[in-house]
Amino acid sequence: MKVEYDPKHDLLNLELLPGVEIVDSVEIDGIIFDYGKDRVIVSIEILDAGKRTKHSPLEQLEFTVTKSEG
């Protein structure tokens, strides 16, 4: 997964499947969902990300991986 923030355009992009071709995009209230083949979510782009939060989006980034046993 790749997380990018463009402060000039105030865009936050969460690329979930790097290298997968985007075949469709849907925007819902300033959030763009990019889909690959078979409707898998390839990336999520948040427009006006800084305006939707109280701080810079990157200052709020916390990453945790939870693995289940078994």
Protein backbone atom coordinates (compact mmCIF):
# COMPACT_ATOMS: atom_id res chain seq x y z
CA MET A 1 0.00 0.00 0.00
CA LYS A 2 1.19 3.50 -0.80
CA VAL A 3 -0.02 6.71 0.87
CA GLU A 4 0.61 10.04 -0.86
CA TYR A 5 -0.42 13.57 0.05
CA ASP A 6 -0.15 16.47 -2.39
CA PRO A 7 -0.33 19.69 -0.34
CA LYS A 8 -0.41 21.90 -3.44
CA HIS A 9 -3.69 20.31 -4.58
CA ASP A 10 -4.77 19.08 -1.10
CA LEU A 11 -5.21 15.50 -2.33
CA LEU A 12 -4.72 12.37 -0.24
CA ASN A 13 -4.32 9.15 -2.20
CA LEU A 14 -4.38 5.66 -0.71
CA GLU A 15 -3.07 3.27 -3.34
CA LEU A 16 -4.13 -0.17 -2.17
CA LEU A 17 -3.03 -2.23 -5.19
CA PRO A 18 -0.03 -0.58 -6.90
CA GLY A 19 0.35 -1.46 -10.56
CA VAL A 20 -3.22 -2.68 -11.03
CA GLU A 21 -5.00 -1.03 -13.96
CA ILE A 22 -7.93 1.24 -13.09
CA VAL A 23 -10.96 0.46 -15.24
CA ASP A 24 -13.61 2.59 -13.48
CA SER A 25 -13.82 5.48 -11.01
CA VAL A 26 -16.73 6.65 -8.88
CA GLU A 27 -16.83 9.94 -6.93
CA ILE A 28 -19.01 10.17 -3.85
CA ASP A 29 -18.96 13.45 -1.92
CA GLY A 30 -15.36 14.31 -2.85
CA ILE A 31 -13.98 10.80 -2.39
CA ILE A 32 -12.96 8.94 -5.53
CA PHE A 33 -12.94 5.15 -5.57
CA ASP A 34 -10.85 3.65 -8.36
CA TYR A 35 -11.75 0.10 -9.35
CA GLY A 36 -9.85 -2.55 -11.25
CA LYS A 37 -11.16 -5.58 -13.04
CA ASP A 38 -13.75 -7.56 -11.05
CA ARG A 39 -14.57 -4.37 -9.04
CA VAL A 40 -11.57 -4.64 -6.69
CA ILE A 41 -10.71 -1.28 -5.10
CA VAL A 42 -7.34 -0.15 -6.46
CA SER A 43 -7.13 3.26 -4.78
CA ILE A 44 -9.08 5.84 -2.82
CA GLU A 45 -8.48 9.55 -3.41
CA ILE A 46 -9.76 12.19 -1.01
CA LEU A 47 -10.25 15.65 -2.51
CA ASP A 48 -9.76 18.68 -0.22
CA ALA A 49 -8.25 16.35 2.38
CA GLY A 50 -6.90 19.16 4.57
CA LYS A 51 -10.31 20.83 4.69
CA ARG A 52 -11.93 17.58 5.86
CA THR A 53 -9.62 17.24 8.88
CA LYS A 54 -8.46 19.53 11.65
CA HIS A 55 -4.75 19.04 10.88
CA SER A 56 -2.48 18.15 7.99
CA PRO A 57 -3.50 14.68 6.79
CA LEU A 58 0.07 13.36 7.09
CA GLU A 59 0.35 14.51 10.72
CA GLN A 60 -2.55 12.21 11.54
CA LEU A 61 -1.12 9.13 9.82
CA GLU A 62 -0.89 6.11 12.07
CA PHE A 63 -0.34 2.68 10.61
CA THR A 64 -1.14 -0.56 12.42
CA VAL A 65 -1.22 -4.11 11.11
CA THR A 66 -3.34 -6.54 13.11
CA LYS A 67 -2.73 -10.22 12.43
CA SER A 68 -4.85 -13.04 13.70
CA GLU A 69 -3.30 -16.25 14.97
CA GLY A 70 -3.84 -19.38 12.96
